[in-house]
């Protein structure tokens, strides 16, 4: 546990990584809340409507988290956005400090966790947007409705995978490096 906390502390004592985490988390949250009405957002932006009205609509759409989302999907959407922001900041730090991380495959679980986060996005009325489109393309659009939580399982899975990837990267960051990778040793 101390290795995990040491890794998180190492990253989040630097303001640029805190800013990155906040920007990604807010962006993911906005994407999730605007996604059900993406057509309206896209059509409205180029119109000659006053900016204040456009902003009012966008703010109103973010409030849909309390009305269009079930408690489970709202909680998993908020948790996924926060975890995604933290995870991206940890990965950015790790890749910058240890350039060889990609070659070693250390970040693969994190990328998988981030990608899975997108699958859990959805509201109470629509279920999981991404999965419904994928399932519809292969003829299984009613499949999510057969699940006990009607797609909420994917939100829970996304939070679990993002949490796991966060823990893995934070532990890597917090663990002391005792040796250089083989490629770097040969160069010295």
Protein backbone atom coordinates (compact mmCIF):
# COMPACT_ATOMS: atom_id res chain seq x y z
CA UNK A 1 0.00 0.00 0.00
CA UNK A 2 2.85 2.38 0.79
CA UNK A 3 4.32 1.81 -2.69
CA UNK A 4 0.96 2.74 -4.23
CA UNK A 5 0.66 5.92 -2.16
CA UNK A 6 4.29 6.83 -2.83
CA UNK A 7 3.65 6.55 -6.59
CA UNK A 8 0.52 8.71 -6.44
CA UNK A 9 2.27 11.29 -4.24
CA UNK A 10 5.28 11.41 -6.58
CA UNK A 11 3.04 12.28 -9.53
CA UNK A 12 0.52 14.59 -7.89
CA UNK A 13 3.05 16.83 -6.15
CA UNK A 14 3.69 18.24 -9.63
CA UNK A 15 1.04 20.80 -10.65
CA UNK A 16 1.10 19.92 -14.35
CA UNK A 17 -0.04 16.35 -13.62
CA UNK A 18 -2.79 17.59 -11.30
CA UNK A 19 -3.93 19.91 -14.10
CA UNK A 20 -3.80 17.08 -16.63
CA UNK A 21 -5.90 14.83 -14.37
CA UNK A 22 -8.50 17.55 -13.83
CA UNK A 23 -8.72 18.44 -17.54
CA UNK A 24 -9.11 14.79 -18.59
CA UNK A 25 -11.68 14.07 -15.84
CA UNK A 26 -13.78 17.12 -16.72
CA UNK A 27 -13.50 16.33 -20.43
CA UNK A 28 -14.59 12.73 -19.89
CA UNK A 29 -17.51 13.86 -17.73
CA UNK A 30 -18.63 16.43 -20.31
CA UNK A 31 -18.34 13.86 -23.09
CA UNK A 32 -20.46 11.39 -21.12
CA UNK A 33 -23.18 13.90 -20.30
CA UNK A 34 -23.27 15.49 -23.75
CA UNK A 35 -23.16 12.17 -25.61
CA UNK A 36 -26.93 11.46 -25.40
CA UNK A 37 -27.58 14.81 -27.11
CA UNK A 38 -24.50 14.97 -29.31
CA UNK A 39 -26.61 15.66 -32.40
CA UNK A 40 -28.12 18.75 -30.77
CA UNK A 41 -24.71 19.98 -29.63
CA UNK A 42 -23.17 19.53 -33.09
CA UNK A 43 -26.09 21.24 -34.85
CA UNK A 44 -26.20 24.14 -32.41
CA UNK A 45 -22.52 25.14 -32.44
CA UNK A 46 -22.29 26.59 -35.98
CA UNK A 47 -25.63 28.43 -35.63
CA UNK A 48 -25.73 32.18 -35.05
CA UNK A 49 -27.14 31.73 -31.55
CA UNK A 50 -25.64 33.98 -28.86
CA UNK A 51 -22.74 32.34 -27.00
CA UNK A 52 -24.53 32.73 -23.65
CA UNK A 53 -27.44 30.61 -24.93
CA UNK A 54 -25.05 27.93 -26.24
CA UNK A 55 -23.25 27.87 -22.91
CA UNK A 56 -26.55 27.66 -21.03
CA UNK A 57 -27.57 24.64 -23.11
CA UNK A 58 -24.24 22.89 -22.55
CA UNK A 59 -24.43 23.49 -18.80
CA UNK A 60 -28.01 22.20 -18.82
CA UNK A 61 -26.89 19.03 -20.59
CA UNK A 62 -24.31 18.34 -17.87
CA UNK A 63 -27.13 18.48 -15.32
CA UNK A 64 -28.65 15.47 -17.11
CA UNK A 65 -26.42 13.31 -14.89
CA UNK A 66 -29.11 13.72 -12.22
CA UNK A 67 -32.14 13.14 -14.45
CA UNK A 68 -31.25 10.96 -17.45
CA UNK A 69 -28.81 8.64 -15.69
CA UNK A 70 -29.72 5.97 -13.16
CA UNK A 71 -27.93 6.16 -9.81
CA UNK A 72 -25.65 3.32 -10.90
CA UNK A 73 -24.80 4.81 -14.30
CA UNK A 74 -24.29 8.29 -12.80
CA UNK A 75 -21.97 6.92 -10.13
CA UNK A 76 -20.00 4.81 -12.61
CA UNK A 77 -19.78 7.73 -15.07
CA UNK A 78 -18.45 10.10 -12.41
CA UNK A 79 -16.06 7.47 -11.02
CA UNK A 80 -14.85 6.56 -14.52
CA UNK A 81 -14.17 10.20 -15.36
CA UNK A 82 -12.19 10.75 -12.15
CA UNK A 83 -10.25 7.50 -12.47
CA UNK A 84 -9.53 8.19 -16.14
CA UNK A 85 -8.09 11.60 -15.29
CA UNK A 86 -5.87 10.15 -12.57
CA UNK A 87 -4.83 7.22 -14.77
CA UNK A 88 -3.89 9.44 -17.73
CA UNK A 89 -1.78 11.66 -15.46
CA UNK A 90 -0.01 8.62 -13.97
CA UNK A 91 0.65 7.14 -17.41
CA UNK A 92 1.95 10.47 -18.77
CA UNK A 93 4.33 10.77 -15.81
CA UNK A 94 5.45 7.17 -16.08
CA UNK A 95 6.12 7.39 -19.81
CA UNK A 96 8.05 10.64 -19.41
CA UNK A 97 10.18 9.39 -16.54
CA UNK A 98 10.71 5.90 -17.92
CA UNK A 99 10.78 6.09 -21.70
CA UNK A 100 11.27 2.35 -22.04
CA UNK A 101 7.90 1.56 -20.41
CA UNK A 102 6.11 0.98 -23.72
CA UNK A 103 8.70 -1.54 -24.89
CA UNK A 104 8.31 -3.47 -21.67
CA UNK A 105 4.52 -3.50 -21.93
CA UNK A 106 4.11 -1.92 -18.50
CA UNK A 107 1.31 0.40 -19.59
CA UNK A 108 -0.77 -2.14 -21.53
CA UNK A 109 -3.18 -2.78 -18.67
CA UNK A 110 -3.73 0.93 -18.22
CA UNK A 111 -4.55 1.48 -21.86
CA UNK A 112 -6.99 -1.43 -21.68
CA UNK A 113 -8.57 0.09 -18.57
CA UNK A 114 -8.93 3.47 -20.25
CA UNK A 115 -10.50 2.00 -23.38
CA UNK A 116 -12.91 -0.03 -21.29
CA UNK A 117 -14.01 3.15 -19.51
CA UNK A 118 -15.73 4.27 -22.69
CA UNK A 119 -17.87 1.14 -22.79
CA UNK A 120 -19.58 1.94 -19.49
CA UNK A 121 -20.88 5.37 -20.55
CA UNK A 122 -24.64 5.51 -20.81
CA UNK A 123 -27.84 6.82 -19.30
CA UNK A 124 -30.85 5.05 -17.80
CA UNK A 125 -32.93 5.44 -20.95
CA UNK A 126 -30.32 4.38 -23.48
CA UNK A 127 -28.04 1.95 -21.69
CA UNK A 128 -24.44 1.80 -22.84
CA UNK A 129 -24.17 3.95 -25.99
CA UNK A 130 -21.01 2.40 -27.38
CA UNK A 131 -22.01 -1.18 -26.69
CA UNK A 132 -25.52 -0.70 -28.07
CA UNK A 133 -24.04 0.46 -31.38
CA UNK A 134 -21.55 -2.41 -31.47
CA UNK A 135 -24.21 -4.96 -30.54
CA UNK A 136 -26.61 -3.51 -33.14
CA UNK A 137 -23.95 -3.85 -35.82
CA UNK A 138 -23.64 -7.56 -35.13
CA UNK A 139 -27.35 -8.16 -34.57
CA UNK A 140 -27.36 -8.35 -30.77
CA UNK A 141 -28.97 -5.02 -29.89
CA UNK A 142 -31.40 -6.59 -27.41
CA UNK A 143 -28.58 -8.41 -25.63
CA UNK A 144 -27.88 -5.64 -23.13
CA UNK A 145 -31.54 -5.56 -22.08
CA UNK A 146 -31.22 -9.20 -21.00
CA UNK A 147 -28.53 -8.37 -18.46
CA UNK A 148 -29.71 -7.91 -14.84
CA UNK A 149 -28.48 -4.28 -14.63
CA UNK A 150 -29.32 -3.49 -18.31
CA UNK A 151 -25.76 -2.52 -19.18
CA UNK A 152 -24.81 -1.17 -15.76
CA UNK A 153 -22.46 -4.12 -15.52
CA UNK A 154 -20.21 -2.46 -18.07
CA UNK A 155 -19.98 0.69 -15.93
CA UNK A 156 -18.97 -1.40 -12.93
CA UNK A 157 -16.46 -3.32 -15.05
CA UNK A 158 -15.04 -0.05 -16.41
CA UNK A 159 -14.54 1.35 -12.91
CA UNK A 160 -12.88 -1.89 -11.81
CA UNK A 161 -10.53 -1.97 -14.82
CA UNK A 162 -9.63 1.72 -14.50
CA UNK A 163 -8.98 1.22 -10.79
CA UNK A 164 -6.80 -1.79 -11.49
CA UNK A 165 -4.79 0.05 -14.13
CA UNK A 166 -4.36 3.01 -11.78
CA UNK A 167 -3.03 0.73 -9.04
CA UNK A 168 -0.64 -1.04 -11.43
CA UNK A 169 0.88 2.17 -12.79
CA UNK A 170 1.05 3.87 -9.36
CA UNK A 171 2.87 0.83 -7.95
CA UNK A 172 5.34 0.91 -10.85
CA UNK A 173 5.99 4.59 -10.21
CA UNK A 174 6.35 4.09 -6.45
CA UNK A 175 8.65 1.09 -6.71
CA UNK A 176 12.33 1.91 -6.59
CA UNK A 177 14.25 0.97 -9.69
CA UNK A 178 17.13 -1.30 -8.78
CA UNK A 179 18.56 -1.85 -12.24
CA UNK A 180 18.56 -0.37 -15.70
CA UNK A 181 16.84 -2.19 -18.52
CA UNK A 182 19.11 -4.40 -20.60
CA UNK A 183 18.97 -2.05 -23.61
CA UNK A 184 20.25 0.88 -21.53
CA UNK A 185 23.00 -1.11 -19.78
CA UNK A 186 24.55 -2.05 -23.12
CA UNK A 187 24.68 1.59 -24.19
CA UNK A 188 26.80 2.71 -21.18
